Amino acid sequence: MNDTEQQFWDLVETLINDANDRSATQDAALVSDAMLYAAARFGAYVAAASSTERKAFKDELGDIKALLMEQFETMLDANLADYLENYKTYLSR
């Protein structure tokens, strides 16, 4: 694993640990909704900040949305499959 990949997984773990900690005192669905909103908001920021000007950003909105939706769907599918495979281990049920 290269340094960038390690940084990615370290950050993922930090964010998940924070969500788990918050879920101990708040509804997990609320924490999940907040994380989804934050991801959408930050994704929009990164896309806008990567554009050279507002018109270019506006022209690329469809492609940006398609890319973000595709990435999310791929990640969601992988995690749902992982939980299906490891349901009893992860949830102790």
PDB file of N, CA and C in Angstrom:
ATOM      1  N   MET A   1       0.856  -1.178   0.000  1.00  0.00           N
ATOM      2  CA  MET A   1       0.000   0.000   0.000  1.00  0.00           C
ATOM      3  C   MET A   1       0.900   1.238   0.000  1.00  0.00           C
ATOM      4  N   ASN A   2       0.627   2.156  -0.905  1.00  0.00           N
ATOM      5  CA  ASN A   2       1.446   3.365  -0.942  1.00  0.00           C
ATOM      6  C   ASN A   2       0.968   4.376   0.103  1.00  0.00           C
ATOM      7  N   ASP A   3       1.713   5.462   0.252  1.00  0.00           N
ATOM      8  CA  ASP A   3       1.437   6.449   1.294  1.00  0.00           C
ATOM      9  C   ASP A   3       0.052   7.090   1.132  1.00  0.00           C
ATOM     10  N   THR A   4      -0.346   7.387  -0.097  1.00  0.00           N
ATOM     11  CA  THR A   4      -1.660   7.997  -0.343  1.00  0.00           C
ATOM     12  C   THR A   4      -2.783   7.042   0.045  1.00  0.00           C
ATOM     13  N   GLU A   5      -2.636   5.773  -0.305  1.00  0.00           N
ATOM     14  CA  GLU A   5      -3.645   4.782   0.070  1.00  0.00           C
ATOM     15  C   GLU A   5      -3.726   4.645   1.593  1.00  0.00           C
ATOM     16  N   GLN A   6      -2.586   4.650   2.264  1.00  0.00           N
ATOM     17  CA  GLN A   6      -2.578   4.559   3.723  1.00  0.00           C
ATOM     18  C   GLN A   6      -3.250   5.771   4.344  1.00  0.00           C
ATOM     19  N   GLN A   7      -2.969   6.944   3.812  1.00  0.00           N
ATOM     20  CA  GLN A   7      -3.624   8.162   4.300  1.00  0.00           C
ATOM     21  C   GLN A   7      -5.135   8.072   4.115  1.00  0.00           C
ATOM     22  N   PHE A   8      -5.564   7.560   2.949  1.00  0.00           N
ATOM     23  CA  PHE A   8      -6.991   7.388   2.672  1.00  0.00           C
ATOM     24  C   PHE A   8      -7.637   6.501   3.733  1.00  0.00           C
ATOM     25  N   TRP A   9      -7.062   5.312   3.957  1.00  0.00           N
ATOM     26  CA  TRP A   9      -7.665   4.376   4.904  1.00  0.00           C
ATOM     27  C   TRP A   9      -7.592   4.890   6.343  1.00  0.00           C
ATOM     28  N   ASP A  10      -6.549   5.616   6.691  1.00  0.00           N
ATOM     29  CA  ASP A  10      -6.464   6.223   8.026  1.00  0.00           C
ATOM     30  C   ASP A  10      -7.575   7.251   8.212  1.00  0.00           C
ATOM     31  N   LEU A  11      -7.816   8.049   7.183  1.00  0.00           N
ATOM     32  CA  LEU A  11      -8.876   9.050   7.254  1.00  0.00           C
ATOM     33  C   LEU A  11     -10.244   8.398   7.321  1.00  0.00           C
ATOM     34  N   VAL A  12     -10.467   7.361   6.523  1.00  0.00           N
ATOM     35  CA  VAL A  12     -11.733   6.619   6.576  1.00  0.00           C
ATOM     36  C   VAL A  12     -11.970   6.097   7.989  1.00  0.00           C
ATOM     37  N   GLU A  13     -10.950   5.491   8.572  1.00  0.00           N
ATOM     38  CA  GLU A  13     -11.079   4.940   9.916  1.00  0.00           C
ATOM     39  C   GLU A  13     -11.381   6.035  10.948  1.00  0.00           C
ATOM     40  N   THR A  14     -10.732   7.174  10.815  1.00  0.00           N
ATOM     41  CA  THR A  14     -10.986   8.292  11.727  1.00  0.00           C
ATOM     42  C   THR A  14     -12.439   8.756  11.629  1.00  0.00           C
ATOM     43  N   LEU A  15     -12.944   8.902  10.405  1.00  0.00           N
ATOM     44  CA  LEU A  15     -14.324   9.358  10.214  1.00  0.00           C
ATOM     45  C   LEU A  15     -15.325   8.330  10.727  1.00  0.00           C
ATOM     46  N   ILE A  16     -15.075   7.055  10.472  1.00  0.00           N
ATOM     47  CA  ILE A  16     -15.977   6.004  10.956  1.00  0.00           C
ATOM     48  C   ILE A  16     -15.948   5.929  12.473  1.00  0.00           C
ATOM     49  N   ASN A  17     -14.763   6.038  13.059  1.00  0.00           N
ATOM     50  CA  ASN A  17     -14.677   6.027  14.523  1.00  0.00           C
ATOM     51  C   ASN A  17     -15.444   7.191  15.134  1.00  0.00           C
ATOM     52  N   ASP A  18     -15.350   8.359  14.517  1.00  0.00           N
ATOM     53  CA  ASP A  18     -16.098   9.517  15.006  1.00  0.00           C
ATOM     54  C   ASP A  18     -17.605   9.259  14.901  1.00  0.00           C
ATOM     55  N   ALA A  19     -18.041   8.697  13.786  1.00  0.00           N
ATOM     56  CA  ALA A  19     -19.465   8.382  13.614  1.00  0.00           C
ATOM     57  C   ALA A  19     -19.916   7.353  14.647  1.00  0.00           C
ATOM     58  N   ASN A  20     -19.098   6.331  14.876  1.00  0.00           N
ATOM     59  CA  ASN A  20     -19.442   5.324  15.887  1.00  0.00           C
ATOM     60  C   ASN A  20     -19.543   5.950  17.273  1.00  0.00           C
ATOM     61  N   ASP A  21     -18.601   6.824  17.609  1.00  0.00           N
ATOM     62  CA  ASP A  21     -18.649   7.506  18.907  1.00  0.00           C
ATOM     63  C   ASP A  21     -19.925   8.333  19.043  1.00  0.00           C
ATOM     64  N   ARG A  22     -20.279   9.048  18.007  1.00  0.00           N
ATOM     65  CA  ARG A  22     -21.490   9.882  18.048  1.00  0.00           C
ATOM     66  C   ARG A  22     -22.753   9.027  18.111  1.00  0.00           C
ATOM     67  N   SER A  23     -22.703   7.853  17.480  1.00  0.00           N
ATOM     68  CA  SER A  23     -23.863   6.956  17.502  1.00  0.00           C
ATOM     69  C   SER A  23     -24.130   6.385  18.886  1.00  0.00           C
ATOM     70  N   ALA A  24     -23.162   6.464  19.758  1.00  0.00           N
ATOM     71  CA  ALA A  24     -23.360   5.993  21.134  1.00  0.00           C
ATOM     72  C   ALA A  24     -24.317   6.902  21.902  1.00  0.00           C
ATOM     73  N   THR A  25     -24.419   8.164  21.481  1.00  0.00           N
ATOM     74  CA  THR A  25     -25.282   9.118  22.190  1.00  0.00           C
ATOM     75  C   THR A  25     -26.357   9.737  21.306  1.00  0.00           C
ATOM     76  N   GLN A  26     -26.305   9.444  20.005  1.00  0.00           N
ATOM     77  CA  GLN A  26     -27.287   9.991  19.067  1.00  0.00           C
ATOM     78  C   GLN A  26     -27.781   8.865  18.166  1.00  0.00           C
ATOM     79  N   ASP A  27     -28.927   9.068  17.567  1.00  0.00           N
ATOM     80  CA  ASP A  27     -29.498   8.075  16.668  1.00  0.00           C
ATOM     81  C   ASP A  27     -28.552   7.824  15.495  1.00  0.00           C
ATOM     82  N   ALA A  28     -28.235   6.564  15.239  1.00  0.00           N
ATOM     83  CA  ALA A  28     -27.305   6.210  14.167  1.00  0.00           C
ATOM     84  C   ALA A  28     -27.798   6.702  12.808  1.00  0.00           C
ATOM     85  N   ALA A  29     -29.105   6.692  12.580  1.00  0.00           N
ATOM     86  CA  ALA A  29     -29.644   7.179  11.307  1.00  0.00           C
ATOM     87  C   ALA A  29     -29.369   8.682  11.143  1.00  0.00           C
ATOM     88  N   LEU A  30     -29.458   9.437  12.235  1.00  0.00           N
ATOM     89  CA  LEU A  30     -29.155  10.864  12.190  1.00  0.00           C
ATOM     90  C   LEU A  30     -27.678  11.084  11.868  1.00  0.00           C
ATOM     91  N   VAL A  31     -26.809  10.303  12.497  1.00  0.00           N
ATOM     92  CA  VAL A  31     -25.371  10.402  12.224  1.00  0.00           C
ATOM     93  C   VAL A  31     -25.102  10.056  10.760  1.00  0.00           C
ATOM     94  N   SER A  32     -25.733   9.002  10.255  1.00  0.00           N
ATOM     95  CA  SER A  32     -25.567   8.609   8.862  1.00  0.00           C
ATOM     96  C   SER A  32     -26.024   9.717   7.916  1.00  0.00           C
ATOM     97  N   ASP A  33     -27.187  10.300   8.197  1.00  0.00           N
ATOM     98  CA  ASP A  33     -27.691  11.396   7.363  1.00  0.00           C
ATOM     99  C   ASP A  33     -26.731  12.580   7.374  1.00  0.00           C
ATOM    100  N   ALA A  34     -26.191  12.901   8.542  1.00  0.00           N
ATOM    101  CA  ALA A  34     -25.246  14.013   8.644  1.00  0.00           C
ATOM    102  C   ALA A  34     -23.973  13.727   7.858  1.00  0.00           C
ATOM    103  N   MET A  35     -23.501  12.489   7.925  1.00  0.00           N
ATOM    104  CA  MET A  35     -22.297  12.130   7.164  1.00  0.00           C
ATOM    105  C   MET A  35     -22.554  12.208   5.661  1.00  0.00           C
ATOM    106  N   LEU A  36     -23.716  11.745   5.226  1.00  0.00           N
ATOM    107  CA  LEU A  36     -24.055  11.823   3.806  1.00  0.00           C
ATOM    108  C   LEU A  36     -24.120  13.276   3.340  1.00  0.00           C
ATOM    109  N   TYR A  37     -24.751  14.118   4.161  1.00  0.00           N
ATOM    110  CA  TYR A  37     -24.844  15.540   3.797  1.00  0.00           C
ATOM    111  C   TYR A  37     -23.455  16.165   3.744  1.00  0.00           C
ATOM    112  N   ALA A  38     -22.635  15.867   4.741  1.00  0.00           N
ATOM    113  CA  ALA A  38     -21.278  16.414   4.776  1.00  0.00           C
ATOM    114  C   ALA A  38     -20.476  15.961   3.564  1.00  0.00           C
ATOM    115  N   ALA A  39     -20.614  14.687   3.192  1.00  0.00           N
ATOM    116  CA  ALA A  39     -19.904  14.178   2.016  1.00  0.00           C
ATOM    117  C   ALA A  39     -20.375  14.890   0.750  1.00  0.00           C
ATOM    118  N   ALA A  40     -21.677  15.099   0.632  1.00  0.00           N
ATOM    119  CA  ALA A  40     -22.219  15.797  -0.537  1.00  0.00           C
ATOM    120  C   ALA A  40     -21.736  17.244  -0.565  1.00  0.00           C
ATOM    121  N   ARG A  41     -21.770  17.897   0.583  1.00  0.00           N
ATOM    122  CA  ARG A  41     -21.346  19.297   0.662  1.00  0.00           C
ATOM    123  C   ARG A  41     -19.865  19.442   0.335  1.00  0.00           C
ATOM    124  N   PHE A  42     -19.046  18.559   0.911  1.00  0.00           N
ATOM    125  CA  PHE A  42     -17.610  18.646   0.665  1.00  0.00           C
ATOM    126  C   PHE A  42     -17.287  18.258  -0.774  1.00  0.00           C
ATOM    127  N   GLY A  43     -17.989  17.267  -1.316  1.00  0.00           N
ATOM    128  CA  GLY A  43     -17.795  16.900  -2.716  1.00  0.00           C
ATOM    129  C   GLY A  43     -18.118  18.055  -3.647  1.00  0.00           C
ATOM    130  N   ALA A  44     -19.189  18.789  -3.345  1.00  0.00           N
ATOM    131  CA  ALA A  44     -19.557  19.964  -4.148  1.00  0.00           C
ATOM    132  C   ALA A  44     -18.472  21.034  -4.045  1.00  0.00           C
ATOM    133  N   TYR A  45     -17.947  21.230  -2.834  1.00  0.00           N
ATOM    134  CA  TYR A  45     -16.871  22.203  -2.644  1.00  0.00           C
ATOM    135  C   TYR A  45     -15.635  21.822  -3.472  1.00  0.00           C
ATOM    136  N   VAL A  46     -15.208  20.556  -3.388  1.00  0.00           N
ATOM    137  CA  VAL A  46     -14.011  20.112  -4.117  1.00  0.00           C
ATOM    138  C   VAL A  46     -14.216  20.290  -5.623  1.00  0.00           C
ATOM    139  N   ALA A  47     -15.408  19.951  -6.106  1.00  0.00           N
ATOM    140  CA  ALA A  47     -15.691  20.103  -7.533  1.00  0.00           C
ATOM    141  C   ALA A  47     -15.653  21.573  -7.938  1.00  0.00           C
ATOM    142  N   ALA A  48     -16.288  22.429  -7.157  1.00  0.00           N
ATOM    143  CA  ALA A  48     -16.305  23.859  -7.479  1.00  0.00           C
ATOM    144  C   ALA A  48     -14.901  24.451  -7.408  1.00  0.00           C
ATOM    145  N   ALA A  49     -14.161  24.087  -6.367  1.00  0.00           N
ATOM    146  CA  ALA A  49     -12.811  24.630  -6.193  1.00  0.00           C
ATOM    147  C   ALA A  49     -11.860  24.141  -7.290  1.00  0.00           C
ATOM    148  N   SER A  50     -12.171  23.014  -7.903  1.00  0.00           N
ATOM    149  CA  SER A  50     -11.328  22.476  -8.969  1.00  0.00           C
ATOM    150  C   SER A  50     -11.603  23.123 -10.317  1.00  0.00           C
ATOM    151  N   SER A  51     -12.704  23.833 -10.410  1.00  0.00           N
ATOM    152  CA  SER A  51     -13.050  24.502 -11.662  1.00  0.00           C
ATOM    153  C   SER A  51     -12.320  25.840 -11.754  1.00  0.00           C
ATOM    154  N   THR A  52     -11.998  26.223 -12.966  1.00  0.00           N
ATOM    155  CA  THR A  52     -11.278  27.478 -13.161  1.00  0.00           C
ATOM    156  C   THR A  52     -12.191  28.692 -13.091  1.00  0.00           C
ATOM    157  N   GLU A  53     -13.459  28.490 -13.376  1.00  0.00           N
ATOM    158  CA  GLU A  53     -14.419  29.597 -13.334  1.00  0.00           C
ATOM    159  C   GLU A  53     -15.825  29.038 -13.178  1.00  0.00           C
ATOM    160  N   ARG A  54     -16.765  29.910 -12.798  1.00  0.00           N
ATOM    161  CA  ARG A  54     -18.141  29.491 -12.535  1.00  0.00           C
ATOM    162  C   ARG A  54     -18.779  28.841 -13.760  1.00  0.00           C
ATOM    163  N   LYS A  55     -18.572  29.405 -14.942  1.00  0.00           N
ATOM    164  CA  LYS A  55     -19.181  28.852 -16.152  1.00  0.00           C
ATOM    165  C   LYS A  55     -18.689  27.422 -16.402  1.00  0.00           C
ATOM    166  N   ALA A  56     -17.405  27.197 -16.235  1.00  0.00           N
ATOM    167  CA  ALA A  56     -16.873  25.845 -16.426  1.00  0.00           C
ATOM    168  C   ALA A  56     -17.490  24.895 -15.415  1.00  0.00           C
ATOM    169  N   PHE A  57     -17.622  25.343 -14.174  1.00  0.00           N
ATOM    170  CA  PHE A  57     -18.247  24.523 -13.135  1.00  0.00           C
ATOM    171  C   PHE A  57     -19.686  24.191 -13.530  1.00  0.00           C
ATOM    172  N   LYS A  58     -20.423  25.202 -13.962  1.00  0.00           N
ATOM    173  CA  LYS A  58     -21.817  24.998 -14.370  1.00  0.00           C
ATOM    174  C   LYS A  58     -21.905  24.014 -15.538  1.00  0.00           C
ATOM    175  N   ASP A  59     -21.020  24.157 -16.507  1.00  0.00           N
ATOM    176  CA  ASP A  59     -21.028  23.277 -17.680  1.00  0.00           C
ATOM    177  C   ASP A  59     -20.701  21.833 -17.327  1.00  0.00           C
ATOM    178  N   GLU A  60     -19.947  21.632 -16.239  1.00  0.00           N
ATOM    179  CA  GLU A  60     -19.507  20.295 -15.842  1.00  0.00           C
ATOM    180  C   GLU A  60     -20.400  19.632 -14.790  1.00  0.00           C
ATOM    181  N   LEU A  61     -21.456  20.323 -14.362  1.00  0.00           N
ATOM    182  CA  LEU A  61     -22.282  19.800 -13.271  1.00  0.00           C
ATOM    183  C   LEU A  61     -22.809  18.388 -13.534  1.00  0.00           C
ATOM    184  N   GLY A  62     -23.279  18.129 -14.729  1.00  0.00           N
ATOM    185  CA  GLY A  62     -23.813  16.799 -15.043  1.00  0.00           C
ATOM    186  C   GLY A  62     -22.752  15.719 -14.911  1.00  0.00           C
ATOM    187  N   ASP A  63     -21.564  15.995 -15.444  1.00  0.00           N
ATOM    188  CA  ASP A  63     -20.466  15.024 -15.342  1.00  0.00           C
ATOM    189  C   ASP A  63     -20.011  14.849 -13.901  1.00  0.00           C
ATOM    190  N   ILE A  64     -19.950  15.940 -13.162  1.00  0.00           N
ATOM    191  CA  ILE A  64     -19.546  15.885 -11.754  1.00  0.00           C
ATOM    192  C   ILE A  64     -20.524  15.022 -10.963  1.00  0.00           C
ATOM    193  N   LYS A  65     -21.805  15.292 -11.150  1.00  0.00           N
ATOM    194  CA  LYS A  65     -22.827  14.529 -10.435  1.00  0.00           C
ATOM    195  C   LYS A  65     -22.765  13.051 -10.800  1.00  0.00           C
ATOM    196  N   ALA A  66     -22.614  12.750 -12.073  1.00  0.00           N
ATOM    197  CA  ALA A  66     -22.543  11.352 -12.513  1.00  0.00           C
ATOM    198  C   ALA A  66     -21.341  10.643 -11.894  1.00  0.00           C
ATOM    199  N   LEU A  67     -20.208  11.313 -11.856  1.00  0.00           N
ATOM    200  CA  LEU A  67     -19.010  10.718 -11.268  1.00  0.00           C
ATOM    201  C   LEU A  67     -19.192  10.461  -9.779  1.00  0.00           C
ATOM    202  N   LEU A  68     -19.699  11.446  -9.052  1.00  0.00           N
ATOM    203  CA  LEU A  68     -19.895  11.280  -7.612  1.00  0.00           C
ATOM    204  C   LEU A  68     -20.918  10.189  -7.310  1.00  0.00           C
ATOM    205  N   MET A  69     -21.991  10.134  -8.084  1.00  0.00           N
ATOM    206  CA  MET A  69     -23.005   9.103  -7.876  1.00  0.00           C
ATOM    207  C   MET A  69     -22.435   7.722  -8.183  1.00  0.00           C
ATOM    208  N   GLU A  70     -21.640   7.611  -9.235  1.00  0.00           N
ATOM    209  CA  GLU A  70     -21.028   6.327  -9.592  1.00  0.00           C
ATOM    210  C   GLU A  70     -20.055   5.871  -8.501  1.00  0.00           C
ATOM    211  N   GLN A  71     -19.254   6.801  -8.005  1.00  0.00           N
ATOM    212  CA  GLN A  71     -18.314   6.455  -6.938  1.00  0.00           C
ATOM    213  C   GLN A  71     -19.057   6.001  -5.687  1.00  0.00           C
ATOM    214  N   PHE A  72     -20.105   6.727  -5.314  1.00  0.00           N
ATOM    215  CA  PHE A  72     -20.867   6.358  -4.126  1.00  0.00           C
ATOM    216  C   PHE A  72     -21.515   4.993  -4.298  1.00  0.00           C
ATOM    217  N   GLU A  73     -22.116   4.759  -5.456  1.00  0.00           N
ATOM    218  CA  GLU A  73     -22.773   3.474  -5.688  1.00  0.00           C
ATOM    219  C   GLU A  73     -21.774   2.320  -5.613  1.00  0.00           C
ATOM    220  N   THR A  74     -20.597   2.498  -6.178  1.00  0.00           N
ATOM    221  CA  THR A  74     -19.561   1.459  -6.127  1.00  0.00           C
ATOM    222  C   THR A  74     -19.158   1.181  -4.686  1.00  0.00           C
ATOM    223  N   MET A  75     -18.931   2.239  -3.907  1.00  0.00           N
ATOM    224  CA  MET A  75     -18.535   2.073  -2.503  1.00  0.00           C
ATOM    225  C   MET A  75     -19.663   1.458  -1.674  1.00  0.00           C
ATOM    226  N   LEU A  76     -20.889   1.894  -1.921  1.00  0.00           N
ATOM    227  CA  LEU A  76     -22.030   1.352  -1.194  1.00  0.00           C
ATOM    228  C   LEU A  76     -22.220  -0.126  -1.509  1.00  0.00           C
ATOM    229  N   ASP A  77     -22.150  -0.488  -2.780  1.00  0.00           N
ATOM    230  CA  ASP A  77     -22.293  -1.891  -3.165  1.00  0.00           C
ATOM    231  C   ASP A  77     -21.242  -2.760  -2.486  1.00  0.00           C
ATOM    232  N   ALA A  78     -20.003  -2.308  -2.459  1.00  0.00           N
ATOM    233  CA  ALA A  78     -18.924  -3.070  -1.830  1.00  0.00           C
ATOM    234  C   ALA A  78     -19.165  -3.237  -0.334  1.00  0.00           C
ATOM    235  N   ASN A  79     -19.617  -2.185   0.322  1.00  0.00           N
ATOM    236  CA  ASN A  79     -19.842  -2.259   1.768  1.00  0.00           C
ATOM    237  C   ASN A  79     -21.080  -3.072   2.121  1.00  0.00           C
ATOM    238  N   LEU A  80     -22.118  -2.989   1.316  1.00  0.00           N
ATOM    239  CA  LEU A  80     -23.298  -3.829   1.550  1.00  0.00           C
ATOM    240  C   LEU A  80     -22.947  -5.301   1.371  1.00  0.00           C
ATOM    241  N   ALA A  81     -22.168  -5.614   0.351  1.00  0.00           N
ATOM    242  CA  ALA A  81     -21.733  -6.995   0.139  1.00  0.00           C
ATOM    243  C   ALA A  81     -20.865  -7.473   1.300  1.00  0.00           C
ATOM    244  N   ASP A  82     -20.002  -6.613   1.802  1.00  0.00           N
ATOM    245  CA  ASP A  82     -19.154  -6.959   2.933  1.00  0.00           C
ATOM    246  C   ASP A  82     -19.996  -7.248   4.173  1.00  0.00           C
ATOM    247  N   TYR A  83     -20.987  -6.405   4.434  1.00  0.00           N
ATOM    248  CA  TYR A  83     -21.849  -6.644   5.594  1.00  0.00           C
ATOM    249  C   TYR A  83     -22.704  -7.892   5.417  1.00  0.00           C
ATOM    250  N   LEU A  84     -23.135  -8.166   4.208  1.00  0.00           N
ATOM    251  CA  LEU A  84     -23.893  -9.390   3.962  1.00  0.00           C
ATOM    252  C   LEU A  84     -23.027 -10.611   4.246  1.00  0.00           C
ATOM    253  N   GLU A  85     -21.807 -10.576   3.790  1.00  0.00           N
ATOM    254  CA  GLU A  85     -20.884 -11.692   3.987  1.00  0.00           C
ATOM    255  C   GLU A  85     -20.485 -11.859   5.457  1.00  0.00           C
ATOM    256  N   ASN A  86     -20.376 -10.757   6.173  1.00  0.00           N
ATOM    257  CA  ASN A  86     -19.856 -10.777   7.550  1.00  0.00           C
ATOM    258  C   ASN A  86     -20.895 -10.348   8.586  1.00  0.00           C
ATOM    259  N   TYR A  87     -22.162 -10.502   8.259  1.00  0.00           N
ATOM    260  CA  TYR A  87     -23.252 -10.010   9.094  1.00  0.00           C
ATOM    261  C   TYR A  87     -23.117 -10.447  10.554  1.00  0.00           C
ATOM    262  N   LYS A  88     -22.957 -11.738  10.771  1.00  0.00           N
ATOM    263  CA  LYS A  88     -22.897 -12.253  12.150  1.00  0.00           C
ATOM    264  C   LYS A  88     -21.647 -11.748  12.880  1.00  0.00           C
ATOM    265  N   THR A  89     -20.552 -11.651  12.180  1.00  0.00           N
ATOM    266  CA  THR A  89     -19.310 -11.173  12.795  1.00  0.00           C
ATOM    267  C   THR A  89     -19.417  -9.696  13.174  1.00  0.00           C
ATOM    268  N   TYR A  90     -19.854  -8.875  12.241  1.00  0.00           N
ATOM    269  CA  TYR A  90     -19.919  -7.432  12.464  1.00  0.00           C
ATOM    270  C   TYR A  90     -20.990  -7.044  13.480  1.00  0.00           C
ATOM    271  N   LEU A  91     -22.123  -7.747  13.447  1.00  0.00           N
ATOM    272  CA  LEU A  91     -23.259  -7.339  14.286  1.00  0.00           C
ATOM    273  C   LEU A  91     -23.504  -8.263  15.463  1.00  0.00           C
ATOM    274  N   SER A  92     -22.721  -9.290  15.601  1.00  0.00           N
ATOM    275  CA  SER A  92     -22.850 -10.253  16.712  1.00  0.00           C
ATOM    276  C   SER A  92     -24.274 -10.795  16.815  1.00  0.00           C
ATOM    277  N   ARG A  93     -24.859 -11.140  15.685  1.00  0.00           N
ATOM    278  CA  ARG A  93     -26.228 -11.672  15.671  1.00  0.00           C
ATOM    279  C   ARG A  93     -26.250 -13.021  15.008  1.00  0.00           C
TER     280      ARG A  93
END
